[in-house]
C-alpha atoms as a PDB file:
ATOM      1  CA  MET A   1     114.281 171.981 204.698  1.00  0.00           C
ATOM      2  CA  ASP A   2     112.674 173.261 207.860  1.00  0.00           C
ATOM      3  CA  ASN A   3     112.787 171.683 211.306  1.00  0.00           C
ATOM      4  CA  ARG A   4     109.166 170.491 211.169  1.00  0.00           C
ATOM      5  CA  LYS A   5     109.720 168.582 207.947  1.00  0.00           C
ATOM      6  CA  LEU A   6     112.881 167.000 209.324  1.00  0.00           C
ATOM      7  CA  LYS A   7     111.005 165.798 212.390  1.00  0.00           C
ATOM      8  CA  SER A   8     108.080 164.450 210.356  1.00  0.00           C
ATOM      9  CA  ASN A   9     110.453 162.541 208.050  1.00  0.00           C
ATOM     10  CA  ARG A  10     112.238 161.064 211.062  1.00  0.00           C
ATOM     11  CA  ALA A  11     108.919 160.025 212.624  1.00  0.00           C
ATOM     12  CA  GLN A  12     107.858 158.273 209.416  1.00  0.00           C
ATOM     13  CA  ALA A  13     111.198 156.482 209.103  1.00  0.00           C
ATOM     14  CA  ASP A  14     111.013 155.304 212.733  1.00  0.00           C
ATOM     15  CA  TYR A  15     107.407 154.227 212.240  1.00  0.00           C
ATOM     16  CA  PHE A  16     108.364 152.124 209.217  1.00  0.00           C
ATOM     17  CA  GLU A  17     111.263 150.509 211.077  1.00  0.00           C
ATOM     18  CA  LEU A  18     108.872 149.519 213.859  1.00  0.00           C
ATOM     19  CA  LEU A  19     106.382 148.123 211.343  1.00  0.00           C
ATOM     20  CA  VAL A  20     109.167 145.876 210.066  1.00  0.00           C
ATOM     21  CA  ALA A  21     110.103 144.821 213.608  1.00  0.00           C
ATOM     22  CA  GLN A  22     106.436 144.087 214.382  1.00  0.00           C
ATOM     23  CA  TYR A  23     106.064 142.044 211.184  1.00  0.00           C
ATOM     24  CA  ILE A  24     109.070 139.846 212.031  1.00  0.00           C
ATOM     25  CA  CYS A  25     107.728 139.338 215.559  1.00  0.00           C
ATOM     26  CA  HIS A  26     104.331 138.314 214.192  1.00  0.00           C
ATOM     27  CA  LEU A  27     105.955 135.990 211.650  1.00  0.00           C
ATOM     28  CA  TYR A  28     107.787 134.018 214.353  1.00  0.00           C
ATOM     29  CA  ASN A  29     105.446 134.443 217.352  1.00  0.00           C
ATOM     30  CA  ILE A  30     107.868 136.682 219.252  1.00  0.00           C
ATOM     31  CA  ARG A  31     106.840 139.364 221.732  1.00  0.00           C
ATOM     32  CA  PHE A  32     106.882 142.833 220.146  1.00  0.00           C
ATOM     33  CA  ALA A  33     108.477 145.125 222.738  1.00  0.00           C
ATOM     34  CA  TYR A  34     107.796 148.475 221.061  1.00  0.00           C
ATOM     35  CA  SER A  35     103.995 148.824 221.004  1.00  0.00           C
ATOM     36  CA  LYS A  36     104.098 152.130 222.927  1.00  0.00           C
ATOM     37  CA  ASN A  37     106.716 153.558 220.556  1.00  0.00           C
ATOM     38  CA  LEU A  38     104.649 152.552 217.537  1.00  0.00           C
ATOM     39  CA  ALA A  39     101.483 154.103 218.980  1.00  0.00           C
ATOM     40  CA  PHE A  40     103.317 157.325 219.869  1.00  0.00           C
ATOM     41  CA  LEU A  41     104.760 157.668 216.362  1.00  0.00           C
ATOM     42  CA  SER A  42     101.402 156.870 214.795  1.00  0.00           C
ATOM     43  CA  ASN A  43      99.794 159.724 216.750  1.00  0.00           C
ATOM     44  CA  GLN A  44     102.652 162.069 215.806  1.00  0.00           C
ATOM     45  CA  ILE A  45     102.185 161.345 212.116  1.00  0.00           C
ATOM     46  CA  LEU A  46      98.374 161.586 212.273  1.00  0.00           C
ATOM     47  CA  ALA A  47      98.764 165.104 213.680  1.00  0.00           C
ATOM     48  CA  LEU A  48     100.560 166.174 210.487  1.00  0.00           C
ATOM     49  CA  PRO A  49      98.852 167.383 207.293  1.00  0.00           C
ATOM     50  CA  SER A  50      97.862 164.319 205.239  1.00  0.00           C
ATOM     51  CA  GLY A  51      98.785 162.164 208.245  1.00  0.00           C
ATOM     52  CA  LYS A  52      96.454 159.334 207.211  1.00  0.00           C
ATOM     53  CA  ASN A  53      98.014 159.187 203.759  1.00  0.00           C
ATOM     54  CA  ARG A  54     101.498 159.138 205.271  1.00  0.00           C
ATOM     55  CA  LEU A  55     100.615 156.174 207.471  1.00  0.00           C
ATOM     56  CA  LYS A  56      98.983 154.415 204.540  1.00  0.00           C
ATOM     57  CA  LEU A  57     102.155 154.834 202.470  1.00  0.00           C
ATOM     58  CA  GLN A  58     104.289 153.203 205.169  1.00  0.00           C
ATOM     59  CA  ASN A  59     101.843 150.340 205.635  1.00  0.00           C
ATOM     60  CA  ASP A  60     101.652 149.806 201.867  1.00  0.00           C
ATOM     61  CA  ASN A  61     105.453 149.789 201.678  1.00  0.00           C
ATOM     62  CA  LEU A  62     105.591 147.119 204.372  1.00  0.00           C
ATOM     63  CA  LEU A  63     103.355 144.907 202.223  1.00  0.00           C
ATOM     64  CA  LYS A  64     105.798 145.401 199.335  1.00  0.00           C
ATOM     65  CA  ILE A  65     108.860 144.269 201.290  1.00  0.00           C
ATOM     66  CA  ALA A  66     107.203 141.522 203.390  1.00  0.00           C
ATOM     67  CA  PRO A  67     107.903 138.696 200.880  1.00  0.00           C
ATOM     68  CA  LYS A  68     111.569 139.776 200.617  1.00  0.00           C
ATOM     69  CA  LEU A  69     111.933 139.878 204.413  1.00  0.00           C
ATOM     70  CA  LYS A  70     110.379 136.445 204.757  1.00  0.00           C
ATOM     71  CA  LYS A  71     112.695 134.969 202.105  1.00  0.00           C
ATOM     72  CA  ILE A  72     115.827 136.469 203.684  1.00  0.00           C
ATOM     73  CA  LEU A  73     114.907 135.317 207.180  1.00  0.00           C
ATOM     74  CA  LYS A  74     114.104 131.800 205.982  1.00  0.00           C
ATOM     75  CA  THR A  75     117.626 131.552 204.543  1.00  0.00           C
ATOM     76  CA  GLU A  76     119.245 133.061 207.651  1.00  0.00           C
ATOM     77  CA  ILE A  77     117.346 130.737 210.007  1.00  0.00           C
ATOM     78  CA  LEU A  78     118.750 127.722 208.163  1.00  0.00           C
ATOM     79  CA  LYS A  79     122.268 129.013 208.952  1.00  0.00           C
ATOM     80  CA  LYS A  80     121.787 130.590 212.382  1.00  0.00           C
ATOM     81  CA  GLY A  81     118.800 128.891 214.006  1.00  0.00           C
ATOM     82  CA  LYS A  82     115.380 130.195 214.997  1.00  0.00           C
ATOM     83  CA  ILE A  83     114.777 133.850 215.830  1.00  0.00           C
ATOM     84  CA  ILE A  84     114.303 134.573 219.541  1.00  0.00           C
ATOM     85  CA  GLU A  85     114.214 138.372 219.691  1.00  0.00           C
ATOM     86  CA  VAL A  86     113.708 141.418 217.469  1.00  0.00           C
ATOM     87  CA  ILE A  87     115.590 144.592 218.394  1.00  0.00           C
ATOM     88  CA  TRP A  88     114.774 148.094 217.178  1.00  0.00           C
ATOM     89  CA  VAL A  89     118.188 149.727 216.915  1.00  0.00           C
ATOM     90  CA  GLY A  90     116.696 153.141 216.159  1.00  0.00           C
ATOM     91  CA  ARG A  91     119.026 156.141 216.367  1.00  0.00           C
ATOM     92  CA  LYS A  92     121.038 154.920 219.365  1.00  0.00           C
ATOM     93  CA  LEU A  93     123.862 153.026 217.661  1.00  0.00           C
ATOM     94  CA  THR A  94     124.347 154.890 214.387  1.00  0.00           C
ATOM     95  CA  ILE A  95     128.093 155.191 214.981  1.00  0.00           C
ATOM     96  CA  LYS A  96     128.507 151.428 215.335  1.00  0.00           C
ATOM     97  CA  THR A  97     126.044 150.225 212.707  1.00  0.00           C
ATOM     98  CA  THR A  98     123.619 151.458 210.084  1.00  0.00           C
ATOM     99  CA  SER A  99     121.228 148.663 210.989  1.00  0.00           C
ATOM    100  CA  ASP A 100     117.705 149.758 211.944  1.00  0.00           C
ATOM    101  CA  VAL A 101     116.230 146.401 212.969  1.00  0.00           C
ATOM    102  CA  ASP A 102     118.107 143.325 214.208  1.00  0.00           C
ATOM    103  CA  ALA A 103     116.753 139.784 214.401  1.00  0.00           C
ATOM    104  CA  GLU A 104     118.624 137.775 217.034  1.00  0.00           C
ATOM    105  CA  HIS A 105     118.898 134.024 216.524  1.00  0.00           C
ATOM    106  CA  VAL A 106     119.117 131.279 219.139  1.00  0.00           C
ATOM    107  CA  THR A 107     122.853 131.082 218.382  1.00  0.00           C
ATOM    108  CA  HIS A 108     123.071 134.793 219.399  1.00  0.00           C
ATOM    109  CA  GLU A 109     124.022 135.646 215.832  1.00  0.00           C
ATOM    110  CA  LEU A 110     122.178 138.534 214.156  1.00  0.00           C
ATOM    111  CA  THR A 111     120.439 139.212 210.876  1.00  0.00           C
ATOM    112  CA  ARG A 112     120.508 142.974 210.443  1.00  0.00           C
ATOM    113  CA  PHE A 113     118.379 145.243 208.285  1.00  0.00           C
ATOM    114  CA  SER A 114     118.990 148.786 207.123  1.00  0.00           C
ATOM    115  CA  ILE A 115     115.573 149.883 205.900  1.00  0.00           C
ATOM    116  CA  LYS A 116     114.644 152.837 203.710  1.00  0.00           C
ATOM    117  CA  SER A 117     111.065 153.729 202.800  1.00  0.00           C
ATOM    118  CA  ILE A 118     111.093 156.314 199.993  1.00  0.00           C
ATOM    119  CA  LEU A 119     108.037 158.293 198.886  1.00  0.00           C
ATOM    120  CA  GLN A 120     108.873 158.576 195.185  1.00  0.00           C
ATOM    121  CA  SER A 121     112.041 157.123 193.634  1.00  0.00           C
ATOM    122  CA  GLY A 122     115.686 157.057 194.635  1.00  0.00           C
ATOM    123  CA  THR A 123     117.571 154.970 197.170  1.00  0.00           C
ATOM    124  CA  GLY A 124     117.940 157.276 200.160  1.00  0.00           C
ATOM    125  CA  THR A 125     121.064 158.076 202.133  1.00  0.00           C
ATOM    126  CA  ILE A 126     123.715 155.360 202.318  1.00  0.00           C
ATOM    127  CA  LYS A 127     125.589 156.997 205.181  1.00  0.00           C
ATOM    128  CA  ASN A 128     125.672 160.187 207.229  1.00  0.00           C
ATOM    129  CA  LEU A 129     129.254 161.232 207.907  1.00  0.00           C
ATOM    130  CA  GLY A 130     129.690 163.377 211.015  1.00  0.00           C
ATOM    131  CA  MET A 131     132.773 165.352 211.932  1.00  0.00           C
ATOM    132  CA  LYS A 132     134.339 162.403 213.781  1.00  0.00           C
ATOM    133  CA  SER A 133     134.185 160.235 210.658  1.00  0.00           C
ATOM    134  CA  LEU A 134     135.529 163.023 208.427  1.00  0.00           C
ATOM    135  CA  LYS A 135     138.432 163.545 210.795  1.00  0.00           C
ATOM    136  CA  LYS A 136     139.184 159.812 211.047  1.00  0.00           C
ATOM    137  CA  TYR A 137     139.041 158.999 207.328  1.00  0.00           C
ATOM    138  CA  LEU A 138     139.878 162.307 205.606  1.00  0.00           C
ATOM    139  CA  GLY A 139     141.900 164.077 208.273  1.00  0.00           C
ATOM    140  CA  ILE A 140     139.496 167.041 208.160  1.00  0.00           C
ATOM    141  CA  ASP A 141     138.841 169.000 211.369  1.00  0.00           C
ATOM    142  CA  SER A 142     136.497 171.978 210.936  1.00  0.00           C
ATOM    143  CA  SER A 143     135.780 172.524 214.632  1.00  0.00           C
ATOM    144  CA  ASN A 144     137.479 175.941 214.614  1.00  0.00           C
ATOM    145  CA  GLU A 145     135.407 177.064 211.631  1.00  0.00           C
ATOM    146  CA  TYR A 146     132.255 175.804 213.347  1.00  0.00           C
ATOM    147  CA  LYS A 147     133.085 177.834 216.453  1.00  0.00           C
ATOM    148  CA  GLU A 148     133.779 180.898 214.299  1.00  0.00           C
ATOM    149  CA  MET A 149     130.421 180.474 212.571  1.00  0.00           C
ATOM    150  CA  TRP A 150     128.681 180.488 215.941  1.00  0.00           C
ATOM    151  CA  ARG A 151     130.674 183.456 217.219  1.00  0.00           C
ATOM    152  CA  LYS A 152     129.473 185.506 214.260  1.00  0.00           C
ATOM    153  CA  LEU A 153     125.890 184.364 214.829  1.00  0.00           C
ATOM    154  CA  ARG A 154     126.053 185.376 218.501  1.00  0.00           C
ATOM    155  CA  LYS A 155     127.494 188.749 217.559  1.00  0.00           C
ATOM    156  CA  TYR A 156     124.710 189.348 215.041  1.00  0.00           C
ATOM    157  CA  THR A 157     121.947 188.297 217.443  1.00  0.00           C
ATOM    158  CA  ARG A 158     123.591 190.097 220.382  1.00  0.00           C
ATOM    159  CA  LYS A 159     123.078 187.015 222.542  1.00  0.00           C
ATOM    160  CA  PRO A 160     126.647 186.152 223.647  1.00  0.00           C
ATOM    161  CA  LYS A 161     125.595 184.240 226.773  1.00  0.00           C
ATOM    162  CA  MET A 162     122.476 182.441 225.548  1.00  0.00           C
ATOM    163  CA  SER A 163     122.892 178.653 225.399  1.00  0.00           C
ATOM    164  CA  GLN A 164     123.448 177.204 221.957  1.00  0.00           C
ATOM    165  CA  GLN A 165     120.243 175.171 222.126  1.00  0.00           C
ATOM    166  CA  LYS A 166     118.104 178.187 223.076  1.00  0.00           C
ATOM    167  CA  LEU A 167     119.716 180.349 220.433  1.00  0.00           C
ATOM    168  CA  LYS A 168     119.128 177.649 217.819  1.00  0.00           C
ATOM    169  CA  LYS A 169     115.409 177.568 218.687  1.00  0.00           C
ATOM    170  CA  ARG A 170     115.252 181.371 218.542  1.00  0.00           C
ATOM    171  CA  VAL A 171     116.857 181.432 215.103  1.00  0.00           C
ATOM    172  CA  LEU A 172     114.551 178.712 213.777  1.00  0.00           C
ATOM    173  CA  SER A 173     111.480 180.692 214.848  1.00  0.00           C
ATOM    174  CA  ASN A 174     112.652 183.971 213.269  1.00  0.00           C
ATOM    175  CA  LYS A 175     112.753 184.191 209.469  1.00  0.00           C
ATOM    176  CA  LYS A 176     115.194 187.125 209.413  1.00  0.00           C
ATOM    177  CA  LEU A 177     117.638 185.470 211.840  1.00  0.00           C
ATOM    178  CA  LEU A 178     117.420 182.150 210.006  1.00  0.00           C
ATOM    179  CA  GLY A 179     118.143 183.869 206.683  1.00  0.00           C
ATOM    180  CA  TRP A 180     121.220 185.562 208.131  1.00  0.00           C
ATOM    181  CA  ALA A 181     122.440 182.374 209.824  1.00  0.00           C
ATOM    182  CA  THR A 182     122.027 180.396 206.592  1.00  0.00           C
ATOM    183  CA  LYS A 183     123.946 182.959 204.557  1.00  0.00           C
ATOM    184  CA  ASN A 184     126.665 183.079 207.238  1.00  0.00           C
ATOM    185  CA  GLY A 185     126.924 179.291 207.284  1.00  0.00           C
ATOM    186  CA  GLN A 186     127.054 178.768 203.524  1.00  0.00           C
ATOM    187  CA  LYS A 187     130.650 179.922 203.159  1.00  0.00           C
ATOM    188  CA  TYR A 188     131.722 177.340 205.745  1.00  0.00           C
ATOM    189  CA  GLN A 189     129.649 174.727 203.938  1.00  0.00           C
ATOM    190  CA  PHE A 190     131.440 175.426 200.633  1.00  0.00           C
ATOM    191  CA  GLN A 191     134.801 175.564 202.397  1.00  0.00           C
ATOM    192  CA  LEU A 192     134.301 172.169 204.053  1.00  0.00           C
ATOM    193  CA  ASN A 193     133.134 170.648 200.785  1.00  0.00           C
ATOM    194  CA  LYS A 194     136.290 171.827 199.008  1.00  0.00           C
ATOM    195  CA  LEU A 195     138.520 170.566 201.828  1.00  0.00           C
ATOM    196  CA  CYS A 196     136.890 167.116 201.809  1.00  0.00           C
ATOM    197  CA  LEU A 197     137.104 166.801 198.022  1.00  0.00           C
ATOM    198  CA  THR A 198     140.787 167.706 198.054  1.00  0.00           C
ATOM    199  CA  ALA A 199     141.496 165.443 201.038  1.00  0.00           C
ATOM    200  CA  PHE A 200     139.779 162.452 199.416  1.00  0.00           C
ATOM    201  CA  ASN A 201     141.754 162.776 196.188  1.00  0.00           C
ATOM    202  CA  ALA A 202     144.981 163.099 198.204  1.00  0.00           C
ATOM    203  CA  LEU A 203     144.395 159.750 199.943  1.00  0.00           C
ATOM    204  CA  SER A 204     146.342 156.694 198.895  1.00  0.00           C
ATOM    205  CA  LYS A 205     144.382 154.144 196.894  1.00  0.00           C
ATOM    206  CA  LYS A 206     144.347 151.872 199.952  1.00  0.00           C
ATOM    207  CA  ASP A 207     142.793 154.605 202.114  1.00  0.00           C
ATOM    208  CA  LYS A 208     140.242 155.512 199.414  1.00  0.00           C
ATOM    209  CA  VAL A 209     139.116 151.888 199.340  1.00  0.00           C
ATOM    210  CA  LYS A 210     138.983 151.805 203.137  1.00  0.00           C
ATOM    211  CA  PHE A 211     136.850 154.963 203.210  1.00  0.00           C
ATOM    212  CA  LEU A 212     134.403 153.692 200.580  1.00  0.00           C
ATOM    213  CA  ASN A 213     134.025 150.320 202.258  1.00  0.00           C
ATOM    214  CA  PHE A 214     133.315 152.139 205.537  1.00  0.00           C
ATOM    215  CA  ILE A 215     130.580 154.129 203.789  1.00  0.00           C
ATOM    216  CA  LEU A 216     129.037 150.920 202.473  1.00  0.00           C
ATOM    217  CA  ASP A 217     129.416 148.929 205.719  1.00  0.00           C
ATOM    218  CA  THR A 218     130.984 146.113 203.741  1.00  0.00           C
ATOM    219  CA  GLN A 219     132.593 144.716 206.890  1.00  0.00           C
ATOM    220  CA  ASN A 220     129.162 143.741 208.228  1.00  0.00           C
ATOM    221  CA  LYS A 221     128.491 140.259 206.860  1.00  0.00           C
ATOM    222  CA  ASP A 222     125.071 140.067 208.547  1.00  0.00           C
ATOM    223  CA  LEU A 223     123.649 143.296 207.108  1.00  0.00           C
ATOM    224  CA  TYR A 224     120.990 143.579 204.408  1.00  0.00           C
ATOM    225  CA  VAL A 225     119.825 146.857 202.904  1.00  0.00           C
ATOM    226  CA  ILE A 226     116.181 146.994 201.850  1.00  0.00           C
ATOM    227  CA  ILE A 227     114.910 150.008 199.919  1.00  0.00           C
ATOM    228  CA  VAL A 228     111.268 150.407 198.969  1.00  0.00           C
ATOM    229  CA  ASN A 229     110.063 153.217 196.750  1.00  0.00           C
ATOM    230  CA  LEU A 230     107.421 153.989 194.145  1.00  0.00           C
ATOM    231  CA  LYS A 231     109.134 151.710 191.614  1.00  0.00           C
ATOM    232  CA  GLY A 232     109.432 148.651 193.851  1.00  0.00           C
ATOM    233  CA  VAL A 233     111.900 146.982 196.205  1.00  0.00           C
ATOM    234  CA  ILE A 234     115.711 146.873 196.086  1.00  0.00           C
ATOM    235  CA  VAL A 235     117.650 144.418 198.265  1.00  0.00           C
ATOM    236  CA  TYR A 236     121.406 144.092 198.503  1.00  0.00           C
ATOM    237  CA  LYS A 237     124.120 142.970 200.909  1.00  0.00           C
ATOM    238  CA  PRO A 238     126.812 145.614 201.456  1.00  0.00           C
ATOM    239  CA  ILE A 239     129.489 142.930 201.798  1.00  0.00           C
ATOM    240  CA  GLU A 240     128.824 142.015 198.151  1.00  0.00           C
ATOM    241  CA  LYS A 241     129.489 145.603 197.036  1.00  0.00           C
ATOM    242  CA  ALA A 242     132.993 145.893 198.460  1.00  0.00           C
ATOM    243  CA  VAL A 243     135.253 148.215 196.485  1.00  0.00           C
ATOM    244  CA  LYS A 244     138.321 146.421 195.116  1.00  0.00           C
ATOM    245  CA  SER A 245     141.845 147.724 195.599  1.00  0.00           C
ATOM    246  CA  LEU A 246     142.523 147.512 191.844  1.00  0.00           C
ATOM    247  CA  SER A 247     139.838 150.067 191.007  1.00  0.00           C
ATOM    248  CA  ARG A 248     140.660 153.574 189.769  1.00  0.00           C
ATOM    249  CA  ILE A 249     139.047 156.018 192.172  1.00  0.00           C
ATOM    250  CA  LYS A 250     138.745 159.792 191.829  1.00  0.00           C
ATOM    251  CA  ALA A 251     136.346 162.483 193.072  1.00  0.00           C
ATOM    252  CA  LYS A 252     135.103 165.389 190.944  1.00  0.00           C
ATOM    253  CA  LYS A 253     133.249 168.495 192.077  1.00  0.00           C
ATOM    254  CA  ASP A 254     129.532 168.805 191.346  1.00  0.00           C
ATOM    255  CA  SER A 255     127.740 172.014 190.429  1.00  0.00           C
ATOM    256  CA  GLY A 256     126.237 172.230 193.916  1.00  0.00           C
ATOM    257  CA  VAL A 257     127.778 171.775 197.349  1.00  0.00           C
ATOM    258  CA  GLY A 258     129.013 168.275 196.800  1.00  0.00           C
ATOM    259  CA  TYR A 259     131.166 165.969 194.716  1.00  0.00           C
ATOM    260  CA  THR A 260     130.898 162.643 192.944  1.00  0.00           C
ATOM    261  CA  ILE A 261     133.264 159.715 193.401  1.00  0.00           C
ATOM    262  CA  TYR A 262     134.058 157.867 190.188  1.00  0.00           C
ATOM    263  CA  ILE A 263     135.200 154.239 190.197  1.00  0.00           C
ATOM    264  CA  ASP A 264     136.832 153.174 186.940  1.00  0.00           C
ATOM    265  CA  ASN A 265     135.372 156.358 185.351  1.00  0.00           C
ATOM    266  CA  ILE A 266     131.819 155.421 186.379  1.00  0.00           C
ATOM    267  CA  PRO A 267     129.967 157.881 188.687  1.00  0.00           C
ATOM    268  CA  SER A 268     129.329 155.719 191.760  1.00  0.00           C
ATOM    269  CA  TYR A 269     128.763 157.786 194.909  1.00  0.00           C
ATOM    270  CA  ARG A 270     127.483 161.318 195.374  1.00  0.00           C
ATOM    271  CA  ILE A 271     128.590 163.214 198.478  1.00  0.00           C
ATOM    272  CA  GLN A 272     126.520 166.184 199.636  1.00  0.00           C
ATOM    273  CA  THR A 273     127.919 168.595 202.227  1.00  0.00           C
ATOM    274  CA  ASN A 274     125.079 169.660 204.474  1.00  0.00           C
ATOM    275  CA  ALA A 275     124.219 170.235 208.123  1.00  0.00           C
ATOM    276  CA  THR A 276     122.514 167.982 210.640  1.00  0.00           C
ATOM    277  CA  ASN A 277     119.669 170.432 211.251  1.00  0.00           C
ATOM    278  CA  GLY A 278     119.968 173.621 209.225  1.00  0.00           C
ATOM    279  CA  ILE A 279     122.884 175.439 207.570  1.00  0.00           C
ATOM    280  CA  GLY A 280     124.354 178.071 209.861  1.00  0.00           C
ATOM    281  CA  ILE A 281     123.059 176.682 213.149  1.00  0.00           C
ATOM    282  CA  SER A 282     124.168 173.042 213.257  1.00  0.00           C
ATOM    283  CA  ALA A 283     127.288 170.964 212.870  1.00  0.00           C
ATOM    284  CA  PHE A 284     128.148 170.077 209.289  1.00  0.00           C
ATOM    285  CA  CYS A 285     127.951 166.555 207.950  1.00  0.00           C
ATOM    286  CA  GLN A 286     128.193 164.794 204.634  1.00  0.00           C
ATOM    287  CA  ARG A 287     125.445 162.618 203.209  1.00  0.00           C
ATOM    288  CA  VAL A 288     126.390 159.824 200.847  1.00  0.00           C
ATOM    289  CA  PHE A 289     124.111 158.609 198.042  1.00  0.00           C
ATOM    290  CA  PHE A 290     124.417 156.264 195.107  1.00  0.00           C
ATOM    291  CA  ALA A 291     125.164 158.298 191.990  1.00  0.00           C
ATOM    292  CA  ASP A 292     123.060 155.910 189.926  1.00  0.00           C
ATOM    293  CA  THR A 293     119.794 154.579 191.354  1.00  0.00           C
ATOM    294  CA  ASN A 294     119.966 151.443 189.190  1.00  0.00           C
ATOM    295  CA  LEU A 295     121.581 149.133 191.739  1.00  0.00           C
END
């Protein structure tokens, strides 16, 4: 996946989140504070190939989830009071919450939404696990390997003093350099995947449960996940999907760079070892998906 596609996907996701925020504001006569952001993202998307169709998809998806949003908020208002503000969480607080849009009630309680707008089918990423999370929950620290990967890249490009950001841009714009960097990074990608698989299986059952419930955000009683795709709309509360301590939990390697976590012999979560912005030039992460899209 190239950098341009990553940026266009991010712009569309942000645009959809803002459409949701705007809809809630309109529903309850609240000031929408992100008009400039919405306009900026709209122009960004329109500049892309098939930009009009991309915007249409997001607007159509909003129409699909609007009745679900309205129903949820009606229930939450009965418990928490009227809504006084709508907050676009965006990318700023991803370590603290996976919420994208928060509705604040007069009681200062929140109703939180993690929103995923999918082009075809599937349920999107449940969680992105950065190196801090992998170290905290799995005891994995690959910082030395990451530094080694970059040392080799600098040696190959003969740019030992160029800043990492500038070198990253240079590599992305050069097909030969990007090919070398990707090949160089793949061995570290496979190595990290193996380490994480082994580390997960070595955890106590209590720590496996803790890790899975962190992935799902089951501690957040105010969070709803809403997924809209070609097939329709899926809504669930993470707190209702908490993994029980009595479950049998084991991870098994996949054919690719990833592994699947089985709960009571049922494939439940798929972990993919990847990079935040290109293998060989960015920090590694792990993306978590549902193994079965039938939630």
